[in-house]
Amino acid sequence: MNVTVLAIFDEFNPSASLAKVMKERLIRLASELQNIHLKQFATQKPLSEDVVIYISYNPKYTIRWRIVNDVPSFIETEVAKTCALLNYIPWKTAAINIFKQN
């Protein structure tokens, strides 16, 4: 299973003080989440599946996360546990899963 974690700067204020440091930090945290914390997914079947996760800052500069593709529920649960241990919060959207539209 391929895991991709992308740093998203949608609500990021580039003119804020420390903007460069915050951007570099978010990129580093995305890399660590992908290559260290979620590395165990690389050996899980099916190996051809992908998990795509966005991380970003919320308006209070807390790290938030969201899975952006359709994955099995056990993958969602494991990602949620891992992100909770890192003190990342779920990225609130109008729908719980933007692809299932439940």
C-alpha atoms as a PDB file:
ATOM      1  CA  MET A   1       0.000   0.000   0.000  1.00  0.00           C
ATOM      2  CA  ASN A   2       1.404   3.366  -0.999  1.00  0.00           C
ATOM      3  CA  VAL A   3       1.115   6.191   1.519  1.00  0.00           C
ATOM      4  CA  THR A   4       1.357   9.805   0.376  1.00  0.00           C
ATOM      5  CA  VAL A   5       1.151  12.708   2.818  1.00  0.00           C
ATOM      6  CA  LEU A   6       0.891  16.191   1.334  1.00  0.00           C
ATOM      7  CA  ALA A   7       1.313  19.512   3.121  1.00  0.00           C
ATOM      8  CA  ILE A   8      -1.536  21.834   2.130  1.00  0.00           C
ATOM      9  CA  PHE A   9      -1.283  25.606   2.571  1.00  0.00           C
ATOM     10  CA  ASP A  10      -4.919  26.563   1.861  1.00  0.00           C
ATOM     11  CA  GLU A  11      -5.527  28.816   4.877  1.00  0.00           C
ATOM     12  CA  PHE A  12      -1.885  29.597   5.473  1.00  0.00           C
ATOM     13  CA  ASN A  13      -1.065  33.297   5.679  1.00  0.00           C
ATOM     14  CA  PRO A  14       2.259  33.744   3.843  1.00  0.00           C
ATOM     15  CA  SER A  15       2.704  37.248   5.249  1.00  0.00           C
ATOM     16  CA  ALA A  16       2.420  36.095   8.868  1.00  0.00           C
ATOM     17  CA  SER A  17       5.472  36.298  11.055  1.00  0.00           C
ATOM     18  CA  LEU A  18       7.460  33.050  10.965  1.00  0.00           C
ATOM     19  CA  ALA A  19       5.652  31.998   7.760  1.00  0.00           C
ATOM     20  CA  LYS A  20       8.765  30.423   6.250  1.00  0.00           C
ATOM     21  CA  VAL A  21       9.495  28.435   9.412  1.00  0.00           C
ATOM     22  CA  MET A  22       5.896  27.249   9.688  1.00  0.00           C
ATOM     23  CA  LYS A  23       5.854  26.157   6.038  1.00  0.00           C
ATOM     24  CA  GLU A  24       9.102  24.222   6.399  1.00  0.00           C
ATOM     25  CA  ARG A  25       7.810  22.629   9.608  1.00  0.00           C
ATOM     26  CA  LEU A  26       4.621  21.442   7.909  1.00  0.00           C
ATOM     27  CA  ILE A  27       6.606  19.945   5.025  1.00  0.00           C
ATOM     28  CA  ARG A  28       8.892  18.162   7.515  1.00  0.00           C
ATOM     29  CA  LEU A  29       5.923  16.818   9.510  1.00  0.00           C
ATOM     30  CA  ALA A  30       4.296  15.518   6.308  1.00  0.00           C
ATOM     31  CA  SER A  31       7.502  13.695   5.421  1.00  0.00           C
ATOM     32  CA  GLU A  32       7.832  12.214   8.919  1.00  0.00           C
ATOM     33  CA  LEU A  33       4.199  11.077   8.950  1.00  0.00           C
ATOM     34  CA  GLN A  34       4.656   9.368   5.584  1.00  0.00           C
ATOM     35  CA  ASN A  35       8.113   7.842   6.050  1.00  0.00           C
ATOM     36  CA  ILE A  36       8.184   7.036   9.771  1.00  0.00           C
ATOM     37  CA  HIS A  37       4.783   6.928  11.459  1.00  0.00           C
ATOM     38  CA  LEU A  38       2.762   5.331   8.628  1.00  0.00           C
ATOM     39  CA  LYS A  39       5.562   3.165   7.235  1.00  0.00           C
ATOM     40  CA  GLN A  40       3.785  -0.023   8.406  1.00  0.00           C
ATOM     41  CA  PHE A  41       1.148   0.452   5.684  1.00  0.00           C
ATOM     42  CA  ALA A  42       3.752  -0.199   2.965  1.00  0.00           C
ATOM     43  CA  THR A  43       3.591  -3.934   3.687  1.00  0.00           C
ATOM     44  CA  GLN A  44      -0.184  -4.233   4.011  1.00  0.00           C
ATOM     45  CA  LYS A  45      -2.239  -5.789   1.257  1.00  0.00           C
ATOM     46  CA  PRO A  46      -3.412  -4.884  -1.294  1.00  0.00           C
ATOM     47  CA  LEU A  47      -0.037  -3.478  -2.277  1.00  0.00           C
ATOM     48  CA  SER A  48      -1.478  -1.627  -5.280  1.00  0.00           C
ATOM     49  CA  GLU A  49      -3.816   0.555  -3.138  1.00  0.00           C
ATOM     50  CA  ASP A  50      -3.006   4.150  -2.228  1.00  0.00           C
ATOM     51  CA  VAL A  51      -3.666   6.227   0.877  1.00  0.00           C
ATOM     52  CA  VAL A  52      -3.493   9.984   0.344  1.00  0.00           C
ATOM     53  CA  ILE A  53      -3.500  12.207   3.420  1.00  0.00           C
ATOM     54  CA  TYR A  54      -3.516  15.994   3.545  1.00  0.00           C
ATOM     55  CA  ILE A  55      -2.122  17.844   6.535  1.00  0.00           C
ATOM     56  CA  SER A  56      -2.460  21.546   7.109  1.00  0.00           C
ATOM     57  CA  TYR A  57      -2.691  24.188   9.794  1.00  0.00           C
ATOM     58  CA  ASN A  58      -6.057  25.217  11.145  1.00  0.00           C
ATOM     59  CA  PRO A  59      -6.609  28.936  11.960  1.00  0.00           C
ATOM     60  CA  LYS A  60      -5.040  28.372  15.409  1.00  0.00           C
ATOM     61  CA  TYR A  61      -1.937  26.737  13.810  1.00  0.00           C
ATOM     62  CA  THR A  62      -2.752  23.256  15.065  1.00  0.00           C
ATOM     63  CA  ILE A  63      -1.893  20.450  12.660  1.00  0.00           C
ATOM     64  CA  ARG A  64      -4.963  18.833  11.130  1.00  0.00           C
ATOM     65  CA  TRP A  65      -5.242  15.822   8.846  1.00  0.00           C
ATOM     66  CA  ARG A  66      -7.679  14.304   6.356  1.00  0.00           C
ATOM     67  CA  ILE A  67      -7.688  11.178   4.192  1.00  0.00           C
ATOM     68  CA  VAL A  68      -8.702  12.314   0.728  1.00  0.00           C
ATOM     69  CA  ASN A  69      -9.282   9.039  -1.067  1.00  0.00           C
ATOM     70  CA  ASP A  70     -11.579   6.090  -0.440  1.00  0.00           C
ATOM     71  CA  VAL A  71      -9.863   3.534   1.809  1.00  0.00           C
ATOM     72  CA  PRO A  72     -11.073   0.647   3.982  1.00  0.00           C
ATOM     73  CA  SER A  73     -12.310   1.558   7.444  1.00  0.00           C
ATOM     74  CA  PHE A  74      -9.445  -0.231   9.220  1.00  0.00           C
ATOM     75  CA  ILE A  75      -6.980   2.057   7.406  1.00  0.00           C
ATOM     76  CA  GLU A  76      -8.972   5.132   8.473  1.00  0.00           C
ATOM     77  CA  THR A  77      -8.913   3.857  12.057  1.00  0.00           C
ATOM     78  CA  GLU A  78      -5.162   3.246  12.073  1.00  0.00           C
ATOM     79  CA  VAL A  79      -4.396   6.632  10.533  1.00  0.00           C
ATOM     80  CA  ALA A  80      -6.667   8.293  13.101  1.00  0.00           C
ATOM     81  CA  LYS A  81      -4.880   6.517  15.970  1.00  0.00           C
ATOM     82  CA  THR A  82      -1.458   7.481  14.647  1.00  0.00           C
ATOM     83  CA  CYS A  83      -2.443  11.117  14.126  1.00  0.00           C
ATOM     84  CA  ALA A  84      -4.061  11.272  17.581  1.00  0.00           C
ATOM     85  CA  LEU A  85      -0.813  10.075  19.156  1.00  0.00           C
ATOM     86  CA  LEU A  86       0.949  12.933  17.355  1.00  0.00           C
ATOM     87  CA  ASN A  87      -1.685  15.410  18.642  1.00  0.00           C
ATOM     88  CA  TYR A  88      -3.002  16.113  15.144  1.00  0.00           C
ATOM     89  CA  ILE A  89      -6.708  16.854  14.925  1.00  0.00           C
ATOM     90  CA  PRO A  90      -9.170  15.599  12.281  1.00  0.00           C
ATOM     91  CA  TRP A  91      -9.822  18.067   9.485  1.00  0.00           C
ATOM     92  CA  LYS A  92     -13.494  18.972   9.783  1.00  0.00           C
ATOM     93  CA  THR A  93     -15.469  18.960   6.534  1.00  0.00           C
ATOM     94  CA  ALA A  94     -19.168  19.129   5.695  1.00  0.00           C
ATOM     95  CA  ALA A  95     -19.150  15.376   4.962  1.00  0.00           C
ATOM     96  CA  ILE A  96     -17.335  12.817   7.110  1.00  0.00           C
ATOM     97  CA  ASN A  97     -15.812  11.137   4.050  1.00  0.00           C
ATOM     98  CA  ILE A  98     -15.793  13.462   1.068  1.00  0.00           C
ATOM     99  CA  PHE A  99     -15.894  10.548  -1.383  1.00  0.00           C
ATOM    100  CA  LYS A 100     -18.589   8.409   0.241  1.00  0.00           C
ATOM    101  CA  GLN A 101     -20.818  11.463   0.886  1.00  0.00           C
ATOM    102  CA  ASN A 102     -22.450   9.885   3.962  1.00  0.00           C
END
